[in-house]
Amino acid sequence: AFADTEFGHQRRAISHEYVPTAIFSQPEAATIGWTEAAAREQLGDSTV
């Protein structure tokens, strides 16, 4: 995105909100988006 903006005349930024990630543990885990706690804090218990 930096190179596109500064050298490719395509000004853009990336979103860091919905990025998947994994923990290669045993058992393995993976996640994307909001945790339950974050959602309840932001939106309230009745909305989540």
ModelCIF file with pLDDT and N, C-alpha, C, O atoms, coordinates in Angstrom:
data_MODEL
#
_entry.id   MODEL 
#
_entity.id                         1 
_entity.type                       polymer 
_entity.pdbx_number_of_molecules   1 
#
_entity_poly.entity_id                      1 
_entity_poly.type                           'polypeptide(L)' 
_entity_poly.nstd_linkage                   no 
_entity_poly.nstd_monomer                   no 
_entity_poly.pdbx_seq_one_letter_code       AFADTEFGHQRRAISHEYVPTAIFSQPEAATIGWTEAAAREQLGDSTV 
_entity_poly.pdbx_seq_one_letter_code_can   AFADTEFGHQRRAISHEYVPTAIFSQPEAATIGWTEAAAREQLGDSTV 
_entity_poly.pdbx_strand_id                 A 
#
loop_
_entity_poly_seq.entity_id 
_entity_poly_seq.num 
_entity_poly_seq.mon_id 
_entity_poly_seq.hetero 
1 1  ALA n 
1 2  PHE n 
1 3  ALA n 
1 4  ASP n 
1 5  THR n 
1 6  GLU n 
1 7  PHE n 
1 8  GLY n 
1 9  HIS n 
1 10 GLN n 
1 11 ARG n 
1 12 ARG n 
1 13 ALA n 
1 14 ILE n 
1 15 SER n 
1 16 HIS n 
1 17 GLU n 
1 18 TYR n 
1 19 VAL n 
1 20 PRO n 
1 21 THR n 
1 22 ALA n 
1 23 ILE n 
1 24 PHE n 
1 25 SER n 
1 26 GLN n 
1 27 PRO n 
1 28 GLU n 
1 29 ALA n 
1 30 ALA n 
1 31 THR n 
1 32 ILE n 
1 33 GLY n 
1 34 TRP n 
1 35 THR n 
1 36 GLU n 
1 37 ALA n 
1 38 ALA n 
1 39 ALA n 
1 40 ARG n 
1 41 GLU n 
1 42 GLN n 
1 43 LEU n 
1 44 GLY n 
1 45 ASP n 
1 46 SER n 
1 47 THR n 
1 48 VAL n 
#
_struct_asym.id          A 
_struct_asym.entity_id   1 
#
loop_
_ma_qa_metric.id 
_ma_qa_metric.mode 
_ma_qa_metric.name 
_ma_qa_metric.software_group_id 
_ma_qa_metric.type 
1 global pLDDT . pLDDT 
2 local  pLDDT . pLDDT 
#
_ma_qa_metric_global.metric_id      1 
_ma_qa_metric_global.metric_value   96.98 
_ma_qa_metric_global.model_id       1 
_ma_qa_metric_global.ordinal_id     1 
#
loop_
_ma_qa_metric_local.label_asym_id 
_ma_qa_metric_local.label_comp_id 
_ma_qa_metric_local.label_seq_id 
_ma_qa_metric_local.metric_id 
_ma_qa_metric_local.metric_value 
_ma_qa_metric_local.model_id 
_ma_qa_metric_local.ordinal_id 
A ALA 1  2 98.00 1 1  
A PHE 2  2 98.00 1 2  
A ALA 3  2 98.00 1 3  
A ASP 4  2 98.00 1 4  
A THR 5  2 98.00 1 5  
A GLU 6  2 98.00 1 6  
A PHE 7  2 98.00 1 7  
A GLY 8  2 97.00 1 8  
A HIS 9  2 95.00 1 9  
A GLN 10 2 96.00 1 10 
A ARG 11 2 97.00 1 11 
A ARG 12 2 96.00 1 12 
A ALA 13 2 96.00 1 13 
A ILE 14 2 95.00 1 14 
A SER 15 2 94.00 1 15 
A HIS 16 2 94.00 1 16 
A GLU 17 2 93.00 1 17 
A TYR 18 2 96.00 1 18 
A VAL 19 2 97.00 1 19 
A PRO 20 2 98.00 1 20 
A THR 21 2 98.00 1 21 
A ALA 22 2 98.00 1 22 
A ILE 23 2 98.00 1 23 
A PHE 24 2 98.00 1 24 
A SER 25 2 97.00 1 25 
A GLN 26 2 96.00 1 26 
A PRO 27 2 96.00 1 27 
A GLU 28 2 98.00 1 28 
A ALA 29 2 98.00 1 29 
A ALA 30 2 98.00 1 30 
A THR 31 2 98.00 1 31 
A ILE 32 2 98.00 1 32 
A GLY 33 2 98.00 1 33 
A TRP 34 2 98.00 1 34 
A THR 35 2 98.00 1 35 
A GLU 36 2 98.00 1 36 
A ALA 37 2 97.00 1 37 
A ALA 38 2 97.00 1 38 
A ALA 39 2 98.00 1 39 
A ARG 40 2 98.00 1 40 
A GLU 41 2 97.00 1 41 
A GLN 42 2 96.00 1 42 
A LEU 43 2 97.00 1 43 
A GLY 44 2 96.00 1 44 
A ASP 45 2 96.00 1 45 
A SER 46 2 95.00 1 46 
A THR 47 2 97.00 1 47 
A VAL 48 2 98.00 1 48 
#
loop_
_atom_site.group_PDB 
_atom_site.id 
_atom_site.type_symbol 
_atom_site.label_atom_id 
_atom_site.label_alt_id 
_atom_site.label_comp_id 
_atom_site.label_asym_id 
_atom_site.label_entity_id 
_atom_site.label_seq_id 
_atom_site.pdbx_PDB_ins_code 
_atom_site.Cartn_x 
_atom_site.Cartn_y 
_atom_site.Cartn_z 
_atom_site.occupancy 
_atom_site.B_iso_or_equiv 
_atom_site.pdbx_formal_charge 
_atom_site.auth_seq_id 
_atom_site.auth_comp_id 
_atom_site.auth_asym_id 
_atom_site.auth_atom_id 
_atom_site.pdbx_PDB_model_num 
ATOM 1   N N  . ALA A 1 1  ? 0.835   -1.204  0.000  1.00 98.00 ? 1  ALA A N  1 
ATOM 2   C CA . ALA A 1 1  ? 0.000   0.000   0.000  1.00 98.00 ? 1  ALA A CA 1 
ATOM 3   C C  . ALA A 1 1  ? 0.869   1.252   0.000  1.00 98.00 ? 1  ALA A C  1 
ATOM 4   O O  . ALA A 1 1  ? 0.559   2.228   -0.683 1.00 98.00 ? 1  ALA A O  1 
ATOM 5   N N  . PHE A 1 2  ? 1.962   1.223   0.770  1.00 98.00 ? 2  PHE A N  1 
ATOM 6   C CA . PHE A 1 2  ? 2.900   2.349   0.769  1.00 98.00 ? 2  PHE A CA 1 
ATOM 7   C C  . PHE A 1 2  ? 3.449   2.595   -0.640 1.00 98.00 ? 2  PHE A C  1 
ATOM 8   O O  . PHE A 1 2  ? 3.455   3.730   -1.116 1.00 98.00 ? 2  PHE A O  1 
ATOM 9   N N  . ALA A 1 3  ? 3.907   1.537   -1.297 1.00 98.00 ? 3  ALA A N  1 
ATOM 10  C CA . ALA A 1 3  ? 4.496   1.690   -2.634 1.00 98.00 ? 3  ALA A CA 1 
ATOM 11  C C  . ALA A 1 3  ? 3.463   2.172   -3.637 1.00 98.00 ? 3  ALA A C  1 
ATOM 12  O O  . ALA A 1 3  ? 3.764   3.018   -4.479 1.00 98.00 ? 3  ALA A O  1 
ATOM 13  N N  . ASP A 1 4  ? 2.243   1.642   -3.555 1.00 98.00 ? 4  ASP A N  1 
ATOM 14  C CA . ASP A 1 4  ? 1.184   2.092   -4.458 1.00 98.00 ? 4  ASP A CA 1 
ATOM 15  C C  . ASP A 1 4  ? 0.895   3.572   -4.266 1.00 98.00 ? 4  ASP A C  1 
ATOM 16  O O  . ASP A 1 4  ? 0.697   4.308   -5.233 1.00 98.00 ? 4  ASP A O  1 
ATOM 17  N N  . THR A 1 5  ? 0.875   4.001   -3.006 1.00 98.00 ? 5  THR A N  1 
ATOM 18  C CA . THR A 1 5  ? 0.557   5.389   -2.691 1.00 98.00 ? 5  THR A CA 1 
ATOM 19  C C  . THR A 1 5  ? 1.658   6.337   -3.141 1.00 98.00 ? 5  THR A C  1 
ATOM 20  O O  . THR A 1 5  ? 1.378   7.358   -3.769 1.00 98.00 ? 5  THR A O  1 
ATOM 21  N N  . GLU A 1 6  ? 2.899   6.011   -2.828 1.00 98.00 ? 6  GLU A N  1 
ATOM 22  C CA . GLU A 1 6  ? 4.008   6.938   -3.056 1.00 98.00 ? 6  GLU A CA 1 
ATOM 23  C C  . GLU A 1 6  ? 4.613   6.851   -4.448 1.00 98.00 ? 6  GLU A C  1 
ATOM 24  O O  . GLU A 1 6  ? 5.200   7.822   -4.924 1.00 98.00 ? 6  GLU A O  1 
ATOM 25  N N  . PHE A 1 7  ? 4.481   5.699   -5.112 1.00 98.00 ? 7  PHE A N  1 
ATOM 26  C CA . PHE A 1 7  ? 5.121   5.538   -6.419 1.00 98.00 ? 7  PHE A CA 1 
ATOM 27  C C  . PHE A 1 7  ? 4.165   5.107   -7.525 1.00 98.00 ? 7  PHE A C  1 
ATOM 28  O O  . PHE A 1 7  ? 4.480   5.242   -8.707 1.00 98.00 ? 7  PHE A O  1 
ATOM 29  N N  . GLY A 1 8  ? 3.001   4.590   -7.148 1.00 97.00 ? 8  GLY A N  1 
ATOM 30  C CA . GLY A 1 8  ? 2.052   4.113   -8.151 1.00 97.00 ? 8  GLY A CA 1 
ATOM 31  C C  . GLY A 1 8  ? 0.859   5.019   -8.350 1.00 97.00 ? 8  GLY A C  1 
ATOM 32  O O  . GLY A 1 8  ? -0.043  4.692   -9.121 1.00 97.00 ? 8  GLY A O  1 
ATOM 33  N N  . HIS A 1 9  ? 0.837   6.178   -7.652 1.00 95.00 ? 9  HIS A N  1 
ATOM 34  C CA . HIS A 1 9  ? -0.254  7.154   -7.781 1.00 95.00 ? 9  HIS A CA 1 
ATOM 35  C C  . HIS A 1 9  ? -1.611  6.521   -7.478 1.00 95.00 ? 9  HIS A C  1 
ATOM 36  O O  . HIS A 1 9  ? -2.617  6.862   -8.100 1.00 95.00 ? 9  HIS A O  1 
ATOM 37  N N  . GLN A 1 10 ? -1.627  5.596   -6.515 1.00 96.00 ? 10 GLN A N  1 
ATOM 38  C CA . GLN A 1 10 ? -2.873  4.955   -6.076 1.00 96.00 ? 10 GLN A CA 1 
ATOM 39  C C  . GLN A 1 10 ? -2.941  5.081   -4.554 1.00 96.00 ? 10 GLN A C  1 
ATOM 40  O O  . GLN A 1 10 ? -2.599  4.145   -3.832 1.00 96.00 ? 10 GLN A O  1 
ATOM 41  N N  . ARG A 1 11 ? -3.366  6.200   -4.091 1.00 97.00 ? 11 ARG A N  1 
ATOM 42  C CA . ARG A 1 11 ? -3.353  6.471   -2.648 1.00 97.00 ? 11 ARG A CA 1 
ATOM 43  C C  . ARG A 1 11 ? -4.323  5.546   -1.931 1.00 97.00 ? 11 ARG A C  1 
ATOM 44  O O  . ARG A 1 11 ? -5.532  5.587   -2.163 1.00 97.00 ? 11 ARG A O  1 
ATOM 45  N N  . ARG A 1 12 ? -3.783  4.724   -1.069 1.00 96.00 ? 12 ARG A N  1 
ATOM 46  C CA . ARG A 1 12 ? -4.650  3.783   -0.347 1.00 96.00 ? 12 ARG A CA 1 
ATOM 47  C C  . ARG A 1 12 ? -4.030  3.382   0.980  1.00 96.00 ? 12 ARG A C  1 
ATOM 48  O O  . ARG A 1 12 ? -2.810  3.391   1.145  1.00 96.00 ? 12 ARG A O  1 
ATOM 49  N N  . ALA A 1 13 ? -4.882  3.035   1.908  1.00 96.00 ? 13 ALA A N  1 
ATOM 50  C CA . ALA A 1 13 ? -4.479  2.507   3.205  1.00 96.00 ? 13 ALA A CA 1 
ATOM 51  C C  . ALA A 1 13 ? -5.170  1.167   3.401  1.00 96.00 ? 13 ALA A C  1 
ATOM 52  O O  . ALA A 1 13 ? -6.181  0.885   2.758  1.00 96.00 ? 13 ALA A O  1 
ATOM 53  N N  . ILE A 1 14 ? -4.630  0.350   4.280  1.00 95.00 ? 14 ILE A N  1 
ATOM 54  C CA . ILE A 1 14 ? -5.262  -0.945  4.519  1.00 95.00 ? 14 ILE A CA 1 
ATOM 55  C C  . ILE A 1 14 ? -6.023  -0.913  5.843  1.00 95.00 ? 14 ILE A C  1 
ATOM 56  O O  . ILE A 1 14 ? -5.715  -0.128  6.740  1.00 95.00 ? 14 ILE A O  1 
ATOM 57  N N  . SER A 1 15 ? -7.007  -1.772  5.938  1.00 94.00 ? 15 SER A N  1 
ATOM 58  C CA . SER A 1 15 ? -7.782  -1.901  7.168  1.00 94.00 ? 15 SER A CA 1 
ATOM 59  C C  . SER A 1 15 ? -7.134  -2.956  8.064  1.00 94.00 ? 15 SER A C  1 
ATOM 60  O O  . SER A 1 15 ? -6.724  -4.018  7.596  1.00 94.00 ? 15 SER A O  1 
ATOM 61  N N  . HIS A 1 16 ? -7.049  -2.651  9.338  1.00 94.00 ? 16 HIS A N  1 
ATOM 62  C CA . HIS A 1 16 ? -6.525  -3.604  10.303 1.00 94.00 ? 16 HIS A CA 1 
ATOM 63  C C  . HIS A 1 16 ? -7.647  -4.250  11.120 1.00 94.00 ? 16 HIS A C  1 
ATOM 64  O O  . HIS A 1 16 ? -7.389  -4.888  12.141 1.00 94.00 ? 16 HIS A O  1 
ATOM 65  N N  . GLU A 1 17 ? -8.887  -4.082  10.667 1.00 93.00 ? 17 GLU A N  1 
ATOM 66  C CA . GLU A 1 17 ? -10.007 -4.512  11.507 1.00 93.00 ? 17 GLU A CA 1 
ATOM 67  C C  . GLU A 1 17 ? -10.289 -6.000  11.411 1.00 93.00 ? 17 GLU A C  1 
ATOM 68  O O  . GLU A 1 17 ? -10.285 -6.687  12.432 1.00 93.00 ? 17 GLU A O  1 
ATOM 69  N N  . TYR A 1 18 ? -10.534 -6.517  10.217 1.00 96.00 ? 18 TYR A N  1 
ATOM 70  C CA . TYR A 1 18 ? -10.902 -7.925  10.079 1.00 96.00 ? 18 TYR A CA 1 
ATOM 71  C C  . TYR A 1 18 ? -9.744  -8.700  9.452  1.00 96.00 ? 18 TYR A C  1 
ATOM 72  O O  . TYR A 1 18 ? -9.741  -8.989  8.256  1.00 96.00 ? 18 TYR A O  1 
ATOM 73  N N  . VAL A 1 19 ? -8.777  -9.023  10.280 1.00 97.00 ? 19 VAL A N  1 
ATOM 74  C CA . VAL A 1 19 ? -7.576  -9.735  9.838  1.00 97.00 ? 19 VAL A CA 1 
ATOM 75  C C  . VAL A 1 19 ? -7.545  -11.095 10.526 1.00 97.00 ? 19 VAL A C  1 
ATOM 76  O O  . VAL A 1 19 ? -7.519  -11.156 11.755 1.00 97.00 ? 19 VAL A O  1 
ATOM 77  N N  . PRO A 1 20 ? -7.546  -12.175 9.772  1.00 98.00 ? 20 PRO A N  1 
ATOM 78  C CA . PRO A 1 20 ? -7.493  -13.499 10.402 1.00 98.00 ? 20 PRO A CA 1 
ATOM 79  C C  . PRO A 1 20 ? -6.103  -13.807 10.932 1.00 98.00 ? 20 PRO A C  1 
ATOM 80  O O  . PRO A 1 20 ? -5.101  -13.335 10.395 1.00 98.00 ? 20 PRO A O  1 
ATOM 81  N N  . THR A 1 21 ? -6.054  -14.593 11.978 1.00 98.00 ? 21 THR A N  1 
ATOM 82  C CA . THR A 1 21 ? -4.772  -15.031 12.512 1.00 98.00 ? 21 THR A CA 1 
ATOM 83  C C  . THR A 1 21 ? -4.951  -16.383 13.179 1.00 98.00 ? 21 THR A C  1 
ATOM 84  O O  . THR A 1 21 ? -6.070  -16.793 13.487 1.00 98.00 ? 21 THR A O  1 
ATOM 85  N N  . ALA A 1 22 ? -3.837  -17.072 13.397 1.00 98.00 ? 22 ALA A N  1 
ATOM 86  C CA . ALA A 1 22 ? -3.888  -18.418 13.958 1.00 98.00 ? 22 ALA A CA 1 
ATOM 87  C C  . ALA A 1 22 ? -2.832  -18.576 15.035 1.00 98.00 ? 22 ALA A C  1 
ATOM 88  O O  . ALA A 1 22 ? -1.819  -17.878 15.046 1.00 98.00 ? 22 ALA A O  1 
ATOM 89  N N  . ILE A 1 23 ? -3.088  -19.504 15.937 1.00 98.00 ? 23 ILE A N  1 
ATOM 90  C CA . ILE A 1 23 ? -2.105  -19.937 16.928 1.00 98.00 ? 23 ILE A CA 1 
ATOM 91  C C  . ILE A 1 23 ? -1.839  -21.400 16.623 1.00 98.00 ? 23 ILE A C  1 
ATOM 92  O O  . ILE A 1 23 ? -2.733  -22.237 16.743 1.00 98.00 ? 23 ILE A O  1 
ATOM 93  N N  . PHE A 1 24 ? -0.602  -21.711 16.226 1.00 98.00 ? 24 PHE A N  1 
ATOM 94  C CA . PHE A 1 24 ? -0.290  -23.083 15.843 1.00 98.00 ? 24 PHE A CA 1 
ATOM 95  C C  . PHE A 1 24 ? 0.103   -23.896 17.069 1.00 98.00 ? 24 PHE A C  1 
ATOM 96  O O  . PHE A 1 24 ? 1.212   -24.419 17.186 1.00 98.00 ? 24 PHE A O  1 
ATOM 97  N N  . SER A 1 25 ? -0.854  -23.972 17.964 1.00 97.00 ? 25 SER A N  1 
ATOM 98  C CA . SER A 1 25 ? -0.724  -24.754 19.189 1.00 97.00 ? 25 SER A CA 1 
ATOM 99  C C  . SER A 1 25 ? -1.299  -26.138 18.931 1.00 97.00 ? 25 SER A C  1 
ATOM 100 O O  . SER A 1 25 ? -1.716  -26.448 17.815 1.00 97.00 ? 25 SER A O  1 
ATOM 101 N N  . GLN A 1 26 ? -1.319  -26.959 19.960 1.00 96.00 ? 26 GLN A N  1 
ATOM 102 C CA . GLN A 1 26 ? -1.975  -28.262 19.882 1.00 96.00 ? 26 GLN A CA 1 
ATOM 103 C C  . GLN A 1 26 ? -2.883  -28.384 21.099 1.00 96.00 ? 26 GLN A C  1 
ATOM 104 O O  . GLN A 1 26 ? -2.411  -28.751 22.175 1.00 96.00 ? 26 GLN A O  1 
ATOM 105 N N  . PRO A 1 27 ? -4.182  -28.085 20.959 1.00 96.00 ? 27 PRO A N  1 
ATOM 106 C CA . PRO A 1 27 ? -4.924  -27.926 19.705 1.00 96.00 ? 27 PRO A CA 1 
ATOM 107 C C  . PRO A 1 27 ? -4.712  -26.553 19.050 1.00 96.00 ? 27 PRO A C  1 
ATOM 108 O O  . PRO A 1 27 ? -4.434  -25.558 19.718 1.00 96.00 ? 27 PRO A O  1 
ATOM 109 N N  . GLU A 1 28 ? -4.855  -26.539 17.717 1.00 98.00 ? 28 GLU A N  1 
ATOM 110 C CA . GLU A 1 28 ? -4.680  -25.315 16.935 1.00 98.00 ? 28 GLU A CA 1 
ATOM 111 C C  . GLU A 1 28 ? -5.868  -24.383 17.136 1.00 98.00 ? 28 GLU A C  1 
ATOM 112 O O  . GLU A 1 28 ? -6.982  -24.826 17.416 1.00 98.00 ? 28 GLU A O  1 
ATOM 113 N N  . ALA A 1 29 ? -5.614  -23.091 16.990 1.00 98.00 ? 29 ALA A N  1 
ATOM 114 C CA . ALA A 1 29 ? -6.691  -22.111 17.128 1.00 98.00 ? 29 ALA A CA 1 
ATOM 115 C C  . ALA A 1 29 ? -6.570  -21.062 16.038 1.00 98.00 ? 29 ALA A C  1 
ATOM 116 O O  . ALA A 1 29 ? -5.477  -20.804 15.533 1.00 98.00 ? 29 ALA A O  1 
ATOM 117 N N  . ALA A 1 30 ? -7.698  -20.459 15.676 1.00 98.00 ? 30 ALA A N  1 
ATOM 118 C CA . ALA A 1 30 ? -7.700  -19.389 14.673 1.00 98.00 ? 30 ALA A CA 1 
ATOM 119 C C  . ALA A 1 30 ? -8.873  -18.473 14.941 1.00 98.00 ? 30 ALA A C  1 
ATOM 120 O O  . ALA A 1 30 ? -9.869  -18.868 15.546 1.00 98.00 ? 30 ALA A O  1 
ATOM 121 N N  . THR A 1 31 ? -8.736  -17.231 14.477 1.00 98.00 ? 31 THR A N  1 
ATOM 122 C CA . THR A 1 31 ? -9.748  -16.229 14.807 1.00 98.00 ? 31 THR A CA 1 
ATOM 123 C C  . THR A 1 31 ? -9.755  -15.116 13.778 1.00 98.00 ? 31 THR A C  1 
ATOM 124 O O  . THR A 1 31 ? -8.757  -14.876 13.098 1.00 98.00 ? 31 THR A O  1 
ATOM 125 N N  . ILE A 1 32 ? -10.890 -14.438 13.668 1.00 98.00 ? 32 ILE A N  1 
ATOM 126 C CA . ILE A 1 32 ? -10.987 -13.214 12.887 1.00 98.00 ? 32 ILE A CA 1 
ATOM 127 C C  . ILE A 1 32 ? -12.042 -12.323 13.532 1.00 98.00 ? 32 ILE A C  1 
ATOM 128 O O  . ILE A 1 32 ? -13.072 -12.798 14.009 1.00 98.00 ? 32 ILE A O  1 
ATOM 129 N N  . GLY A 1 33 ? -11.766 -11.033 13.536 1.00 98.00 ? 33 GLY A N  1 
ATOM 130 C CA . GLY A 1 33 ? -12.769 -10.075 13.998 1.00 98.00 ? 33 GLY A CA 1 
ATOM 131 C C  . GLY A 1 33 ? -12.806 -9.894  15.502 1.00 98.00 ? 33 GLY A C  1 
ATOM 132 O O  . GLY A 1 33 ? -11.806 -10.075 16.197 1.00 98.00 ? 33 GLY A O  1 
ATOM 133 N N  . TRP A 1 34 ? -13.979 -9.533  15.985 1.00 98.00 ? 34 TRP A N  1 
ATOM 134 C CA . TRP A 1 34 ? -14.144 -9.118  17.371 1.00 98.00 ? 34 TRP A CA 1 
ATOM 135 C C  . TRP A 1 34 ? -14.232 -10.312 18.315 1.00 98.00 ? 34 TRP A C  1 
ATOM 136 O O  . TRP A 1 34 ? -14.806 -11.349 17.983 1.00 98.00 ? 34 TRP A O  1 
ATOM 137 N N  . THR A 1 35 ? -13.650 -10.140 19.495 1.00 98.00 ? 35 THR A N  1 
ATOM 138 C CA . THR A 1 35 ? -13.910 -11.096 20.565 1.00 98.00 ? 35 THR A CA 1 
ATOM 139 C C  . THR A 1 35 ? -15.287 -10.802 21.154 1.00 98.00 ? 35 THR A C  1 
ATOM 140 O O  . THR A 1 35 ? -15.857 -9.735  20.923 1.00 98.00 ? 35 THR A O  1 
ATOM 141 N N  . GLU A 1 36 ? -15.810 -11.753 21.913 1.00 98.00 ? 36 GLU A N  1 
ATOM 142 C CA . GLU A 1 36 ? -17.097 -11.519 22.571 1.00 98.00 ? 36 GLU A CA 1 
ATOM 143 C C  . GLU A 1 36 ? -16.991 -10.351 23.536 1.00 98.00 ? 36 GLU A C  1 
ATOM 144 O O  . GLU A 1 36 ? -17.888 -9.510  23.590 1.00 98.00 ? 36 GLU A O  1 
ATOM 145 N N  . ALA A 1 37 ? -15.910 -10.288 24.297 1.00 97.00 ? 37 ALA A N  1 
ATOM 146 C CA . ALA A 1 37 ? -15.753 -9.216  25.285 1.00 97.00 ? 37 ALA A CA 1 
ATOM 147 C C  . ALA A 1 37 ? -15.705 -7.852  24.613 1.00 97.00 ? 37 ALA A C  1 
ATOM 148 O O  . ALA A 1 37 ? -16.332 -6.904  25.086 1.00 97.00 ? 37 ALA A O  1 
ATOM 149 N N  . ALA A 1 38 ? -14.948 -7.741  23.487 1.00 97.00 ? 38 ALA A N  1 
ATOM 150 C CA . ALA A 1 38 ? -14.849 -6.459  22.782 1.00 97.00 ? 38 ALA A CA 1 
ATOM 151 C C  . ALA A 1 38 ? -16.204 -6.053  22.213 1.00 97.00 ? 38 ALA A C  1 
ATOM 152 O O  . ALA A 1 38 ? -16.581 -4.882  22.266 1.00 97.00 ? 38 ALA A O  1 
ATOM 153 N N  . ALA A 1 39 ? -16.932 -7.023  21.670 1.00 98.00 ? 39 ALA A N  1 
ATOM 154 C CA . ALA A 1 39 ? -18.245 -6.709  21.098 1.00 98.00 ? 39 ALA A CA 1 
ATOM 155 C C  . ALA A 1 39 ? -19.211 -6.219  22.168 1.00 98.00 ? 39 ALA A C  1 
ATOM 156 O O  . ALA A 1 39 ? -19.946 -5.257  21.943 1.00 98.00 ? 39 ALA A O  1 
ATOM 157 N N  . ARG A 1 40 ? -19.217 -6.860  23.313 1.00 98.00 ? 40 ARG A N  1 
ATOM 158 C CA . ARG A 1 40 ? -20.133 -6.450  24.390 1.00 98.00 ? 40 ARG A CA 1 
ATOM 159 C C  . ARG A 1 40 ? -19.736 -5.078  24.935 1.00 98.00 ? 40 ARG A C  1 
ATOM 160 O O  . ARG A 1 40 ? -20.597 -4.275  25.294 1.00 98.00 ? 40 ARG A O  1 
ATOM 161 N N  . GLU A 1 41 ? -18.449 -4.818  24.992 1.00 97.00 ? 41 GLU A N  1 
ATOM 162 C CA . GLU A 1 41 ? -17.997 -3.516  25.475 1.00 97.00 ? 41 GLU A CA 1 
ATOM 163 C C  . GLU A 1 41 ? -18.391 -2.404  24.515 1.00 97.00 ? 41 GLU A C  1 
ATOM 164 O O  . GLU A 1 41 ? -18.792 -1.323  24.945 1.00 97.00 ? 41 GLU A O  1 
ATOM 165 N N  . GLN A 1 42 ? -18.278 -2.663  23.217 1.00 96.00 ? 42 GLN A N  1 
ATOM 166 C CA . GLN A 1 42 ? -18.566 -1.639  22.218 1.00 96.00 ? 42 GLN A CA 1 
ATOM 167 C C  . GLN A 1 42 ? -20.059 -1.460  21.962 1.00 96.00 ? 42 GLN A C  1 
ATOM 168 O O  . GLN A 1 42 ? -20.530 -0.339  21.770 1.00 96.00 ? 42 GLN A O  1 
ATOM 169 N N  . LEU A 1 43 ? -20.798 -2.561  21.961 1.00 97.00 ? 43 LEU A N  1 
ATOM 170 C CA . LEU A 1 43 ? -22.205 -2.512  21.531 1.00 97.00 ? 43 LEU A CA 1 
ATOM 171 C C  . LEU A 1 43 ? -23.204 -2.732  22.648 1.00 97.00 ? 43 LEU A C  1 
ATOM 172 O O  . LEU A 1 43 ? -24.376 -2.383  22.512 1.00 97.00 ? 43 LEU A O  1 
ATOM 173 N N  . GLY A 1 44 ? -22.750 -3.310  23.759 1.00 96.00 ? 44 GLY A N  1 
ATOM 174 C CA . GLY A 1 44 ? -23.667 -3.604  24.857 1.00 96.00 ? 44 GLY A CA 1 
ATOM 175 C C  . GLY A 1 44 ? -24.152 -5.040  24.807 1.00 96.00 ? 44 GLY A C  1 
ATOM 176 O O  . GLY A 1 44 ? -24.243 -5.638  23.735 1.00 96.00 ? 44 GLY A O  1 
ATOM 177 N N  . ASP A 1 45 ? -24.461 -5.586  25.964 1.00 96.00 ? 45 ASP A N  1 
ATOM 178 C CA . ASP A 1 45 ? -24.869 -6.993  26.065 1.00 96.00 ? 45 ASP A CA 1 
ATOM 179 C C  . ASP A 1 45 ? -26.122 -7.303  25.257 1.00 96.00 ? 45 ASP A C  1 
ATOM 180 O O  . ASP A 1 45 ? -26.230 -8.384  24.679 1.00 96.00 ? 45 ASP A O  1 
ATOM 181 N N  . SER A 1 46 ? -27.065 -6.375  25.209 1.00 95.00 ? 46 SER A N  1 
ATOM 182 C CA . SER A 1 46 ? -28.345 -6.667  24.556 1.00 95.00 ? 46 SER A CA 1 
ATOM 183 C C  . SER A 1 46 ? -28.220 -6.758  23.038 1.00 95.00 ? 46 SER A C  1 
ATOM 184 O O  . SER A 1 46 ? -29.079 -7.340  22.377 1.00 95.00 ? 46 SER A O  1 
ATOM 185 N N  . THR A 1 47 ? -27.143 -6.179  22.479 1.00 97.00 ? 47 THR A N  1 
ATOM 186 C CA . THR A 1 47 ? -26.976 -6.146  21.020 1.00 97.00 ? 47 THR A CA 1 
ATOM 187 C C  . THR A 1 47 ? -26.164 -7.332  20.516 1.00 97.00 ? 47 THR A C  1 
ATOM 188 O O  . THR A 1 47 ? -26.246 -7.673  19.336 1.00 97.00 ? 47 THR A O  1 
ATOM 189 N N  . VAL A 1 48 ? -25.392 -7.956  21.372 1.00 98.00 ? 48 VAL A N  1 
ATOM 190 C CA . VAL A 1 48 ? -24.476 -9.019  20.951 1.00 98.00 ? 48 VAL A CA 1 
ATOM 191 C C  . VAL A 1 48 ? -25.072 -10.387 21.255 1.00 98.00 ? 48 VAL A C  1 
ATOM 192 O O  . VAL A 1 48 ? -24.447 -11.409 20.972 1.00 98.00 ? 48 VAL A O  1 
#
